Amino acid sequence: MAASSKQKKAKRRSGGSASRRPVGNPAKRPTTTTREPVTAKDWIGAARLRTLPLAVAPVVLGTGAAQVVDRNLHWVIALACLAVAVLLQIGVNFANDYSDGIRGTDADRVGPARLTASGRVPAKRVLIVALAFFALAALAGLAIVVRTQQWWMLAVGATCIVAAWFYTGGKRPYGYNALGEVFVFVFFGLVATLGTTWVQAFALPLEAWLGAVAAGLFACAVLLANNLRDIDQDRAVGKRTLTVLIGKRATQLLFTLFVIVPFVFAVWFALLYPIAWMSLLALLAGIPAILIVWTYRQPRELVIALGLTSLTALGYAAFVYWALVG
């Protein structure tokens, strides 16, 4: 009995059972001395470089479509469009890290480092970094507007940033309600590609529209691979992504469709621009991505599929650009 009394006192002094799981927002827990210091590699991981080809592809496709109308390459505007796309993509990635982290939905994830959820970096610091990239994207966009005198595009740019924030930010993020694919299709497909074409050529040929849809589908495919990887964790925390709603099998089918359809467009491109047949080589990355999505055993394998799909988008865009300007 004495021993039992001592154990109870020791338990009270220690704050309860040693097996008690921590509660509350993981991003707000105090850091401990056992955690390794954050390095540049961690910040680069949080930027999710695997997704950056999705920012480059629509600019390449949009520039190629612009040169169908105007054979001159407006390289300064094209580079500014690339800066907007890449900076906005990185800003979205850090904003997602912050928003998911403070909600506690990123506490147990596979893939890139989660700075906020791990508690290794204060949430406000991640937020500041996200806002800094949004600001840089806005400055690059402003430069394009000043150069082209298309002042109405200020509203488009502002909408892009607001939409990027509310993807996982705010009280009712639409990324948590099965609308994430709509966002990436519209902004990383249609807006990015058509906007790039317009500011260089002030016209929107059919090539721009097909390229925009292709870029949007690739972006949606990457998001599906990402959400399929996290399907169990998202269900557990109540994150209602499209993948959670439609299930694994339907997601696999949709992913396959999104990767293949752009190559149907490539056949049309090839009828007018023969070099476009070369874009089928991008399937060397796309087909393995599809096979992984259908046969994976561990969620971590889908990180490879995600990267391969991004490379497929970039390869596709490069070959189509070559065809359009060749």
C-alpha atoms as a PDB file:
ATOM      1  CA  MET A   1       0.000   0.000   0.000  1.00  0.00           C
ATOM      2  CA  ALA A   2       2.865   2.359   0.789  1.00  0.00           C
ATOM      3  CA  ALA A   3       4.417   1.686  -2.565  1.00  0.00           C
ATOM      4  CA  SER A   4       1.099   2.330  -4.248  1.00  0.00           C
ATOM      5  CA  SER A   5       0.757   5.662  -2.414  1.00  0.00           C
ATOM      6  CA  LYS A   6       4.228   6.723  -3.521  1.00  0.00           C
ATOM      7  CA  GLN A   7       3.434   5.835  -7.134  1.00  0.00           C
ATOM      8  CA  LYS A   8       0.267   7.934  -7.021  1.00  0.00           C
ATOM      9  CA  LYS A   9       2.164  10.924  -5.610  1.00  0.00           C
ATOM     10  CA  ALA A  10       4.853  10.534  -8.264  1.00  0.00           C
ATOM     11  CA  LYS A  11       2.185  10.377 -10.954  1.00  0.00           C
ATOM     12  CA  ARG A  12       0.582  13.608  -9.687  1.00  0.00           C
ATOM     13  CA  ARG A  13       3.965  15.362  -9.619  1.00  0.00           C
ATOM     14  CA  SER A  14       4.668  14.304 -13.228  1.00  0.00           C
ATOM     15  CA  GLY A  15       1.337  15.681 -14.401  1.00  0.00           C
ATOM     16  CA  GLY A  16      -0.363  12.376 -15.100  1.00  0.00           C
ATOM     17  CA  SER A  17       0.391   9.249 -17.025  1.00  0.00           C
ATOM     18  CA  ALA A  18       3.517   9.247 -19.131  1.00  0.00           C
ATOM     19  CA  SER A  19       1.502   7.756 -21.955  1.00  0.00           C
ATOM     20  CA  ARG A  20      -0.898  10.688 -22.102  1.00  0.00           C
ATOM     21  CA  ARG A  21      -0.993  12.087 -25.642  1.00  0.00           C
ATOM     22  CA  PRO A  22      -0.409  15.835 -26.105  1.00  0.00           C
ATOM     23  CA  VAL A  23      -3.480  17.862 -26.978  1.00  0.00           C
ATOM     24  CA  GLY A  24      -4.112  21.201 -28.612  1.00  0.00           C
ATOM     25  CA  ASN A  25      -2.647  22.893 -31.650  1.00  0.00           C
ATOM     26  CA  PRO A  26       0.738  21.314 -32.452  1.00  0.00           C
ATOM     27  CA  ALA A  27       1.957  24.573 -33.938  1.00  0.00           C
ATOM     28  CA  LYS A  28       1.486  26.330 -30.580  1.00  0.00           C
ATOM     29  CA  ARG A  29       3.291  23.820 -28.425  1.00  0.00           C
ATOM     30  CA  PRO A  30       6.559  25.127 -27.064  1.00  0.00           C
ATOM     31  CA  THR A  31       9.643  23.898 -28.833  1.00  0.00           C
ATOM     32  CA  THR A  32      11.965  21.582 -26.942  1.00  0.00           C
ATOM     33  CA  THR A  33      15.698  21.368 -26.866  1.00  0.00           C
ATOM     34  CA  THR A  34      15.571  17.895 -28.403  1.00  0.00           C
ATOM     35  CA  ARG A  35      14.442  19.259 -31.788  1.00  0.00           C
ATOM     36  CA  GLU A  36      17.133  19.882 -34.357  1.00  0.00           C
ATOM     37  CA  PRO A  37      17.545  23.480 -35.516  1.00  0.00           C
ATOM     38  CA  VAL A  38      15.752  24.475 -38.697  1.00  0.00           C
ATOM     39  CA  THR A  39      18.053  24.586 -41.717  1.00  0.00           C
ATOM     40  CA  ALA A  40      17.851  26.014 -45.210  1.00  0.00           C
ATOM     41  CA  LYS A  41      16.977  22.511 -46.376  1.00  0.00           C
ATOM     42  CA  ASP A  42      13.865  22.575 -44.185  1.00  0.00           C
ATOM     43  CA  TRP A  43      12.721  25.872 -45.665  1.00  0.00           C
ATOM     44  CA  ILE A  44      13.359  24.602 -49.189  1.00  0.00           C
ATOM     45  CA  GLY A  45      11.397  21.463 -48.373  1.00  0.00           C
ATOM     46  CA  ALA A  46       8.489  23.561 -47.119  1.00  0.00           C
ATOM     47  CA  ALA A  47       8.553  25.513 -50.404  1.00  0.00           C
ATOM     48  CA  ARG A  48       7.727  22.166 -52.098  1.00  0.00           C
ATOM     49  CA  LEU A  49       9.940  22.514 -55.142  1.00  0.00           C
ATOM     50  CA  ARG A  50       8.295  19.469 -56.716  1.00  0.00           C
ATOM     51  CA  THR A  51       5.287  21.665 -57.447  1.00  0.00           C
ATOM     52  CA  LEU A  52       7.190  24.477 -59.183  1.00  0.00           C
ATOM     53  CA  PRO A  53       7.068  22.899 -62.677  1.00  0.00           C
ATOM     54  CA  LEU A  54       3.322  23.454 -62.427  1.00  0.00           C
ATOM     55  CA  ALA A  55       4.023  27.189 -62.214  1.00  0.00           C
ATOM     56  CA  VAL A  56       6.479  27.129 -65.118  1.00  0.00           C
ATOM     57  CA  ALA A  57       4.384  25.016 -67.529  1.00  0.00           C
ATOM     58  CA  PRO A  58       1.483  27.464 -68.056  1.00  0.00           C
ATOM     59  CA  VAL A  59       3.896  30.340 -68.689  1.00  0.00           C
ATOM     60  CA  VAL A  60       5.748  28.280 -71.301  1.00  0.00           C
ATOM     61  CA  LEU A  61       2.485  27.240 -72.967  1.00  0.00           C
ATOM     62  CA  GLY A  62       1.088  30.765 -72.813  1.00  0.00           C
ATOM     63  CA  THR A  63       4.245  32.253 -74.314  1.00  0.00           C
ATOM     64  CA  GLY A  64       4.199  29.716 -77.138  1.00  0.00           C
ATOM     65  CA  ALA A  65       0.571  30.573 -77.900  1.00  0.00           C
ATOM     66  CA  ALA A  66       1.438  34.282 -77.888  1.00  0.00           C
ATOM     67  CA  GLN A  67       4.153  33.685 -80.484  1.00  0.00           C
ATOM     68  CA  VAL A  68       1.589  32.079 -82.746  1.00  0.00           C
ATOM     69  CA  VAL A  69       0.011  35.554 -82.982  1.00  0.00           C
ATOM     70  CA  ASP A  70       3.179  37.641 -82.637  1.00  0.00           C
ATOM     71  CA  ARG A  71       6.359  35.841 -83.671  1.00  0.00           C
ATOM     72  CA  ASN A  72       8.468  38.168 -81.526  1.00  0.00           C
ATOM     73  CA  LEU A  73       9.385  36.856 -78.090  1.00  0.00           C
ATOM     74  CA  HIS A  74       8.585  39.493 -75.486  1.00  0.00           C
ATOM     75  CA  TRP A  75      11.111  38.000 -73.118  1.00  0.00           C
ATOM     76  CA  VAL A  76      10.918  40.684 -70.406  1.00  0.00           C
ATOM     77  CA  ILE A  77       7.157  40.230 -70.022  1.00  0.00           C
ATOM     78  CA  ALA A  78       7.528  36.447 -70.264  1.00  0.00           C
ATOM     79  CA  LEU A  79      10.094  36.434 -67.454  1.00  0.00           C
ATOM     80  CA  ALA A  80       7.861  38.676 -65.358  1.00  0.00           C
ATOM     81  CA  CYS A  81       4.976  36.234 -65.893  1.00  0.00           C
ATOM     82  CA  LEU A  82       7.277  33.410 -64.811  1.00  0.00           C
ATOM     83  CA  ALA A  83       8.226  35.349 -61.682  1.00  0.00           C
ATOM     84  CA  VAL A  84       4.562  35.921 -60.807  1.00  0.00           C
ATOM     85  CA  ALA A  85       3.705  32.243 -61.265  1.00  0.00           C
ATOM     86  CA  VAL A  86       6.666  30.844 -59.327  1.00  0.00           C
ATOM     87  CA  LEU A  87       6.454  33.365 -56.474  1.00  0.00           C
ATOM     88  CA  LEU A  88       2.711  32.823 -56.153  1.00  0.00           C
ATOM     89  CA  GLN A  89       3.194  29.041 -56.087  1.00  0.00           C
ATOM     90  CA  ILE A  90       5.776  29.283 -53.310  1.00  0.00           C
ATOM     91  CA  GLY A  91       3.571  31.721 -51.434  1.00  0.00           C
ATOM     92  CA  VAL A  92       0.653  29.276 -51.633  1.00  0.00           C
ATOM     93  CA  ASN A  93       2.849  26.471 -50.324  1.00  0.00           C
ATOM     94  CA  PHE A  94       3.966  28.467 -47.284  1.00  0.00           C
ATOM     95  CA  ALA A  95       0.428  29.755 -46.686  1.00  0.00           C
ATOM     96  CA  ASN A  96      -0.807  26.150 -46.682  1.00  0.00           C
ATOM     97  CA  ASP A  97       1.958  25.195 -44.268  1.00  0.00           C
ATOM     98  CA  TYR A  98       0.842  27.981 -41.936  1.00  0.00           C
ATOM     99  CA  SER A  99      -2.920  27.467 -42.216  1.00  0.00           C
ATOM    100  CA  ASP A 100      -2.855  23.664 -41.969  1.00  0.00           C
ATOM    101  CA  GLY A 101      -0.351  23.897 -39.147  1.00  0.00           C
ATOM    102  CA  ILE A 102      -2.361  26.198 -36.900  1.00  0.00           C
ATOM    103  CA  ARG A 103      -5.442  24.031 -37.467  1.00  0.00           C
ATOM    104  CA  GLY A 104      -3.526  20.925 -36.430  1.00  0.00           C
ATOM    105  CA  THR A 105      -4.357  19.096 -39.680  1.00  0.00           C
ATOM    106  CA  ASP A 106      -0.702  18.698 -40.676  1.00  0.00           C
ATOM    107  CA  ALA A 107       0.440  16.982 -37.479  1.00  0.00           C
ATOM    108  CA  ASP A 108       1.032  13.611 -39.140  1.00  0.00           C
ATOM    109  CA  ARG A 109       1.916  13.983 -42.793  1.00  0.00           C
ATOM    110  CA  VAL A 110       4.101  12.216 -45.340  1.00  0.00           C
ATOM    111  CA  GLY A 111       6.280  14.280 -47.655  1.00  0.00           C
ATOM    112  CA  PRO A 112       7.855  17.744 -47.405  1.00  0.00           C
ATOM    113  CA  ALA A 113       8.719  19.235 -44.031  1.00  0.00           C
ATOM    114  CA  ARG A 114       5.875  20.981 -42.222  1.00  0.00           C
ATOM    115  CA  LEU A 115       7.442  23.909 -40.435  1.00  0.00           C
ATOM    116  CA  THR A 116       4.376  25.128 -38.559  1.00  0.00           C
ATOM    117  CA  ALA A 117       2.923  21.763 -37.556  1.00  0.00           C
ATOM    118  CA  SER A 118       6.269  20.515 -36.275  1.00  0.00           C
ATOM    119  CA  GLY A 119       6.556  23.502 -33.919  1.00  0.00           C
ATOM    120  CA  ARG A 120      10.135  24.043 -35.076  1.00  0.00           C
ATOM    121  CA  VAL A 121       9.305  27.445 -36.549  1.00  0.00           C
ATOM    122  CA  PRO A 122       6.883  29.975 -34.999  1.00  0.00           C
ATOM    123  CA  ALA A 123       3.661  30.117 -36.998  1.00  0.00           C
ATOM    124  CA  LYS A 124       3.939  33.896 -37.437  1.00  0.00           C
ATOM    125  CA  ARG A 125       7.337  33.523 -39.090  1.00  0.00           C
ATOM    126  CA  VAL A 126       5.925  31.100 -41.667  1.00  0.00           C
ATOM    127  CA  LEU A 127       3.038  33.501 -42.247  1.00  0.00           C
ATOM    128  CA  ILE A 128       5.455  36.383 -42.823  1.00  0.00           C
ATOM    129  CA  VAL A 129       7.378  34.332 -45.386  1.00  0.00           C
ATOM    130  CA  ALA A 130       4.141  33.446 -47.193  1.00  0.00           C
ATOM    131  CA  LEU A 131       3.056  37.090 -47.280  1.00  0.00           C
ATOM    132  CA  ALA A 132       6.506  38.130 -48.508  1.00  0.00           C
ATOM    133  CA  PHE A 133       6.239  35.815 -51.512  1.00  0.00           C
ATOM    134  CA  PHE A 134       2.724  37.089 -52.222  1.00  0.00           C
ATOM    135  CA  ALA A 135       4.058  40.645 -52.095  1.00  0.00           C
ATOM    136  CA  LEU A 136       6.893  39.826 -54.494  1.00  0.00           C
ATOM    137  CA  ALA A 137       4.419  38.190 -56.874  1.00  0.00           C
ATOM    138  CA  ALA A 138       2.262  41.321 -56.666  1.00  0.00           C
ATOM    139  CA  LEU A 139       5.232  43.552 -57.513  1.00  0.00           C
ATOM    140  CA  ALA A 140       6.114  41.439 -60.541  1.00  0.00           C
ATOM    141  CA  GLY A 141       2.476  41.548 -61.617  1.00  0.00           C
ATOM    142  CA  LEU A 142       2.391  45.313 -61.167  1.00  0.00           C
ATOM    143  CA  ALA A 143       5.434  45.613 -63.428  1.00  0.00           C
ATOM    144  CA  ILE A 144       3.575  43.674 -66.129  1.00  0.00           C
ATOM    145  CA  VAL A 145       0.533  45.936 -65.788  1.00  0.00           C
ATOM    146  CA  VAL A 146       2.636  49.090 -66.045  1.00  0.00           C
ATOM    147  CA  ARG A 147       4.492  47.730 -69.074  1.00  0.00           C
ATOM    148  CA  THR A 148       1.343  46.607 -70.924  1.00  0.00           C
ATOM    149  CA  GLN A 149      -1.057  49.267 -69.613  1.00  0.00           C
ATOM    150  CA  GLN A 150      -3.620  46.540 -68.916  1.00  0.00           C
ATOM    151  CA  TRP A 151      -4.792  48.088 -65.666  1.00  0.00           C
ATOM    152  CA  TRP A 152      -7.815  45.829 -65.341  1.00  0.00           C
ATOM    153  CA  MET A 153      -5.398  42.962 -64.670  1.00  0.00           C
ATOM    154  CA  LEU A 154      -4.729  44.436 -61.220  1.00  0.00           C
ATOM    155  CA  ALA A 155      -8.094  42.975 -60.230  1.00  0.00           C
ATOM    156  CA  VAL A 156      -7.076  39.605 -61.653  1.00  0.00           C
ATOM    157  CA  GLY A 157      -3.854  39.642 -59.671  1.00  0.00           C
ATOM    158  CA  ALA A 158      -5.614  40.607 -56.462  1.00  0.00           C
ATOM    159  CA  THR A 159      -8.128  37.808 -56.994  1.00  0.00           C
ATOM    160  CA  CYS A 160      -5.303  35.312 -57.454  1.00  0.00           C
ATOM    161  CA  ILE A 161      -3.709  36.268 -54.138  1.00  0.00           C
ATOM    162  CA  VAL A 162      -7.010  36.260 -52.250  1.00  0.00           C
ATOM    163  CA  ALA A 163      -7.909  32.868 -53.719  1.00  0.00           C
ATOM    164  CA  ALA A 164      -4.459  31.535 -52.838  1.00  0.00           C
ATOM    165  CA  TRP A 165      -4.917  32.566 -49.207  1.00  0.00           C
ATOM    166  CA  PHE A 166      -8.420  31.183 -48.754  1.00  0.00           C
ATOM    167  CA  TYR A 167      -7.456  27.831 -50.250  1.00  0.00           C
ATOM    168  CA  THR A 168      -6.588  26.698 -46.725  1.00  0.00           C
ATOM    169  CA  GLY A 169      -6.848  29.998 -44.848  1.00  0.00           C
ATOM    170  CA  GLY A 170      -9.759  31.773 -43.241  1.00  0.00           C
ATOM    171  CA  LYS A 171     -12.678  30.319 -41.306  1.00  0.00           C
ATOM    172  CA  ARG A 172     -14.093  28.332 -44.228  1.00  0.00           C
ATOM    173  CA  PRO A 173     -11.235  27.347 -46.562  1.00  0.00           C
ATOM    174  CA  TYR A 174     -12.566  25.925 -49.802  1.00  0.00           C
ATOM    175  CA  GLY A 175      -9.645  23.490 -49.995  1.00  0.00           C
ATOM    176  CA  TYR A 176     -11.301  21.743 -47.051  1.00  0.00           C
ATOM    177  CA  ASN A 177     -14.571  21.435 -48.961  1.00  0.00           C
ATOM    178  CA  ALA A 178     -13.651  19.598 -52.167  1.00  0.00           C
ATOM    179  CA  LEU A 179     -12.988  22.764 -54.198  1.00  0.00           C
ATOM    180  CA  GLY A 180      -9.196  22.608 -54.318  1.00  0.00           C
ATOM    181  CA  GLU A 181      -9.157  21.151 -57.829  1.00  0.00           C
ATOM    182  CA  VAL A 182     -11.383  23.983 -59.049  1.00  0.00           C
ATOM    183  CA  PHE A 183      -8.888  26.501 -57.659  1.00  0.00           C
ATOM    184  CA  VAL A 184      -5.801  24.963 -59.258  1.00  0.00           C
ATOM    185  CA  PHE A 185      -7.560  24.432 -62.601  1.00  0.00           C
ATOM    186  CA  VAL A 186      -8.751  28.031 -62.791  1.00  0.00           C
ATOM    187  CA  PHE A 187      -5.686  29.830 -61.453  1.00  0.00           C
ATOM    188  CA  PHE A 188      -2.768  27.532 -62.324  1.00  0.00           C
ATOM    189  CA  GLY A 189      -4.352  26.540 -65.612  1.00  0.00           C
ATOM    190  CA  LEU A 190      -6.663  29.077 -67.202  1.00  0.00           C
ATOM    191  CA  VAL A 191      -5.556  32.325 -65.556  1.00  0.00           C
ATOM    192  CA  ALA A 192      -1.808  31.610 -65.665  1.00  0.00           C
ATOM    193  CA  THR A 193      -1.756  30.450 -69.288  1.00  0.00           C
ATOM    194  CA  LEU A 194      -4.288  32.838 -70.807  1.00  0.00           C
ATOM    195  CA  GLY A 195      -2.896  35.751 -68.812  1.00  0.00           C
ATOM    196  CA  THR A 196       0.593  35.028 -70.106  1.00  0.00           C
ATOM    197  CA  THR A 197      -0.657  34.938 -73.689  1.00  0.00           C
ATOM    198  CA  TRP A 198      -2.751  38.081 -73.376  1.00  0.00           C
ATOM    199  CA  VAL A 199      -0.074  40.375 -71.954  1.00  0.00           C
ATOM    200  CA  GLN A 200       2.285  39.384 -74.784  1.00  0.00           C
ATOM    201  CA  ALA A 201      -0.061  39.205 -77.775  1.00  0.00           C
ATOM    202  CA  PHE A 202      -3.360  40.863 -76.678  1.00  0.00           C
ATOM    203  CA  ALA A 203      -5.154  37.923 -78.221  1.00  0.00           C
ATOM    204  CA  LEU A 204      -6.261  34.453 -77.114  1.00  0.00           C
ATOM    205  CA  PRO A 205      -5.890  31.922 -79.944  1.00  0.00           C
ATOM    206  CA  LEU A 206      -7.199  28.362 -79.661  1.00  0.00           C
ATOM    207  CA  GLU A 207      -3.670  27.199 -78.859  1.00  0.00           C
ATOM    208  CA  ALA A 208      -3.783  29.272 -75.672  1.00  0.00           C
ATOM    209  CA  TRP A 209      -7.100  27.756 -74.566  1.00  0.00           C
ATOM    210  CA  LEU A 210      -5.985  24.180 -75.162  1.00  0.00           C
ATOM    211  CA  GLY A 211      -2.689  24.856 -73.399  1.00  0.00           C
ATOM    212  CA  ALA A 212      -4.563  26.413 -70.473  1.00  0.00           C
ATOM    213  CA  VAL A 213      -6.829  23.384 -70.062  1.00  0.00           C
ATOM    214  CA  ALA A 214      -3.834  21.033 -70.315  1.00  0.00           C
ATOM    215  CA  ALA A 215      -1.894  22.975 -67.659  1.00  0.00           C
ATOM    216  CA  GLY A 216      -4.944  23.015 -65.391  1.00  0.00           C
ATOM    217  CA  LEU A 217      -5.465  19.262 -65.720  1.00  0.00           C
ATOM    218  CA  PHE A 218      -1.848  18.527 -64.841  1.00  0.00           C
ATOM    219  CA  ALA A 219      -2.141  20.778 -61.780  1.00  0.00           C
ATOM    220  CA  CYS A 220      -5.323  18.967 -60.721  1.00  0.00           C
ATOM    221  CA  ALA A 221      -3.590  15.606 -61.170  1.00  0.00           C
ATOM    222  CA  VAL A 222      -0.779  16.661 -58.837  1.00  0.00           C
ATOM    223  CA  LEU A 223      -3.292  17.809 -56.239  1.00  0.00           C
ATOM    224  CA  LEU A 224      -5.120  14.484 -56.502  1.00  0.00           C
ATOM    225  CA  ALA A 225      -1.866  12.581 -55.932  1.00  0.00           C
ATOM    226  CA  ASN A 226      -1.140  14.780 -52.929  1.00  0.00           C
ATOM    227  CA  ASN A 227      -4.601  14.283 -51.438  1.00  0.00           C
ATOM    228  CA  LEU A 228      -4.580  10.552 -52.137  1.00  0.00           C
ATOM    229  CA  ARG A 229      -1.369  10.354 -50.128  1.00  0.00           C
ATOM    230  CA  ASP A 230      -3.072  12.137 -47.223  1.00  0.00           C
ATOM    231  CA  ILE A 231      -6.530  10.568 -47.521  1.00  0.00           C
ATOM    232  CA  ASP A 232      -6.458   8.741 -44.186  1.00  0.00           C
ATOM    233  CA  GLN A 233      -5.139  11.722 -42.231  1.00  0.00           C
ATOM    234  CA  ASP A 234      -7.593  14.085 -43.932  1.00  0.00           C
ATOM    235  CA  ARG A 235     -10.519  11.840 -43.020  1.00  0.00           C
ATOM    236  CA  ALA A 236      -9.323  11.716 -39.421  1.00  0.00           C
ATOM    237  CA  VAL A 237      -9.186  15.509 -39.054  1.00  0.00           C
ATOM    238  CA  GLY A 238     -12.352  16.258 -41.033  1.00  0.00           C
ATOM    239  CA  LYS A 239     -10.637  17.738 -44.078  1.00  0.00           C
ATOM    240  CA  ARG A 240     -13.150  17.093 -46.873  1.00  0.00           C
ATOM    241  CA  THR A 241     -10.986  17.054 -49.991  1.00  0.00           C
ATOM    242  CA  LEU A 242     -12.418  15.741 -53.258  1.00  0.00           C
ATOM    243  CA  THR A 243     -10.408  12.571 -52.715  1.00  0.00           C
ATOM    244  CA  VAL A 244     -11.985  12.034 -49.295  1.00  0.00           C
ATOM    245  CA  LEU A 245     -15.461  12.465 -50.795  1.00  0.00           C
ATOM    246  CA  ILE A 246     -15.095  10.242 -53.866  1.00  0.00           C
ATOM    247  CA  GLY A 247     -12.704   7.649 -52.429  1.00  0.00           C
ATOM    248  CA  LYS A 248      -9.485   5.992 -53.565  1.00  0.00           C
ATOM    249  CA  ARG A 249     -10.682   4.213 -56.724  1.00  0.00           C
ATOM    250  CA  ALA A 250     -12.470   7.212 -58.210  1.00  0.00           C
ATOM    251  CA  THR A 251      -9.435   9.372 -57.442  1.00  0.00           C
ATOM    252  CA  GLN A 252      -7.180   6.938 -59.289  1.00  0.00           C
ATOM    253  CA  LEU A 253      -9.488   7.041 -62.318  1.00  0.00           C
ATOM    254  CA  LEU A 254      -9.681  10.836 -62.250  1.00  0.00           C
ATOM    255  CA  PHE A 255      -5.904  11.147 -61.899  1.00  0.00           C
ATOM    256  CA  THR A 256      -5.402   8.930 -64.951  1.00  0.00           C
ATOM    257  CA  LEU A 257      -7.876  10.986 -66.963  1.00  0.00           C
ATOM    258  CA  PHE A 258      -6.243  14.276 -66.010  1.00  0.00           C
ATOM    259  CA  VAL A 259      -2.806  13.047 -67.082  1.00  0.00           C
ATOM    260  CA  ILE A 260      -3.937  11.512 -70.382  1.00  0.00           C
ATOM    261  CA  VAL A 261      -6.321  14.169 -71.745  1.00  0.00           C
ATOM    262  CA  PRO A 262      -3.569  16.783 -72.413  1.00  0.00           C
ATOM    263  CA  PHE A 263      -1.949  14.287 -74.778  1.00  0.00           C
ATOM    264  CA  VAL A 264      -5.206  14.114 -76.733  1.00  0.00           C
ATOM    265  CA  PHE A 265      -4.750  17.853 -77.249  1.00  0.00           C
ATOM    266  CA  ALA A 266      -1.163  17.162 -78.305  1.00  0.00           C
ATOM    267  CA  VAL A 267      -2.460  15.042 -81.197  1.00  0.00           C
ATOM    268  CA  TRP A 268      -4.494  18.043 -82.375  1.00  0.00           C
ATOM    269  CA  PHE A 269      -1.438  20.290 -82.013  1.00  0.00           C
ATOM    270  CA  ALA A 270       0.576  17.790 -84.073  1.00  0.00           C
ATOM    271  CA  LEU A 271      -1.851  18.046 -87.001  1.00  0.00           C
ATOM    272  CA  LEU A 272      -0.880  21.708 -87.378  1.00  0.00           C
ATOM    273  CA  TYR A 273       2.547  21.700 -85.758  1.00  0.00           C
ATOM    274  CA  PRO A 274       4.287  18.344 -86.460  1.00  0.00           C
ATOM    275  CA  ILE A 275       6.938  18.747 -83.772  1.00  0.00           C
ATOM    276  CA  ALA A 276       4.131  18.449 -81.208  1.00  0.00           C
ATOM    277  CA  TRP A 277       4.340  14.669 -81.645  1.00  0.00           C
ATOM    278  CA  MET A 278       7.476  14.971 -79.531  1.00  0.00           C
ATOM    279  CA  SER A 279       5.310  15.957 -76.560  1.00  0.00           C
ATOM    280  CA  LEU A 280       4.295  12.302 -76.282  1.00  0.00           C
ATOM    281  CA  LEU A 281       7.774  11.721 -74.864  1.00  0.00           C
ATOM    282  CA  ALA A 282       6.530  13.380 -71.676  1.00  0.00           C
ATOM    283  CA  LEU A 283       4.543  10.183 -71.125  1.00  0.00           C
ATOM    284  CA  LEU A 284       7.850   8.604 -70.115  1.00  0.00           C
ATOM    285  CA  ALA A 285       7.237  10.352 -66.799  1.00  0.00           C
ATOM    286  CA  GLY A 286       3.444  10.376 -66.921  1.00  0.00           C
ATOM    287  CA  ILE A 287       2.908   6.634 -67.348  1.00  0.00           C
ATOM    288  CA  PRO A 288       5.114   5.686 -64.359  1.00  0.00           C
ATOM    289  CA  ALA A 289       3.169   8.247 -62.293  1.00  0.00           C
ATOM    290  CA  ILE A 290      -0.103   6.586 -63.272  1.00  0.00           C
ATOM    291  CA  LEU A 291       1.272   3.125 -62.451  1.00  0.00           C
ATOM    292  CA  ILE A 292       2.408   4.295 -59.018  1.00  0.00           C
ATOM    293  CA  VAL A 293      -1.000   5.805 -58.273  1.00  0.00           C
ATOM    294  CA  TRP A 294      -2.667   2.497 -59.101  1.00  0.00           C
ATOM    295  CA  THR A 295      -0.183   0.141 -57.433  1.00  0.00           C
ATOM    296  CA  TYR A 296       1.253   2.021 -54.446  1.00  0.00           C
ATOM    297  CA  ARG A 297       1.449   0.248 -51.097  1.00  0.00           C
ATOM    298  CA  GLN A 298       2.710   3.061 -48.886  1.00  0.00           C
ATOM    299  CA  PRO A 299       1.523   6.697 -49.054  1.00  0.00           C
ATOM    300  CA  ARG A 300       5.139   7.858 -49.351  1.00  0.00           C
ATOM    301  CA  GLU A 301       5.314   6.321 -52.834  1.00  0.00           C
ATOM    302  CA  LEU A 302       2.821   8.914 -54.026  1.00  0.00           C
ATOM    303  CA  VAL A 303       5.402  11.634 -53.411  1.00  0.00           C
ATOM    304  CA  ILE A 304       7.278  10.139 -56.372  1.00  0.00           C
ATOM    305  CA  ALA A 305       4.099  10.126 -58.465  1.00  0.00           C
ATOM    306  CA  LEU A 306       3.551  13.779 -57.569  1.00  0.00           C
ATOM    307  CA  GLY A 307       7.045  14.728 -58.734  1.00  0.00           C
ATOM    308  CA  LEU A 308       6.746  12.707 -61.950  1.00  0.00           C
ATOM    309  CA  THR A 309       3.431  14.361 -62.789  1.00  0.00           C
ATOM    310  CA  SER A 310       4.967  17.801 -62.337  1.00  0.00           C
ATOM    311  CA  LEU A 311       7.817  16.819 -64.666  1.00  0.00           C
ATOM    312  CA  THR A 312       5.271  15.490 -67.158  1.00  0.00           C
ATOM    313  CA  ALA A 313       3.603  18.906 -67.206  1.00  0.00           C
ATOM    314  CA  LEU A 314       6.921  20.680 -67.762  1.00  0.00           C
ATOM    315  CA  GLY A 315       8.063  18.283 -70.490  1.00  0.00           C
ATOM    316  CA  TYR A 316       4.714  18.557 -72.238  1.00  0.00           C
ATOM    317  CA  ALA A 317       4.855  22.358 -72.139  1.00  0.00           C
ATOM    318  CA  ALA A 318       8.428  22.452 -73.457  1.00  0.00           C
ATOM    319  CA  PHE A 319       7.652  20.250 -76.464  1.00  0.00           C
ATOM    320  CA  VAL A 320       4.418  22.088 -77.296  1.00  0.00           C
ATOM    321  CA  TYR A 321       6.269  25.403 -77.087  1.00  0.00           C
ATOM    322  CA  TRP A 322       8.918  24.052 -79.475  1.00  0.00           C
ATOM    323  CA  ALA A 323       6.164  22.975 -81.858  1.00  0.00           C
ATOM    324  CA  LEU A 324       4.378  26.327 -81.769  1.00  0.00           C
ATOM    325  CA  VAL A 325       7.465  28.461 -82.396  1.00  0.00           C
ATOM    326  CA  GLY A 326       9.508  26.031 -84.501  1.00  0.00           C
END
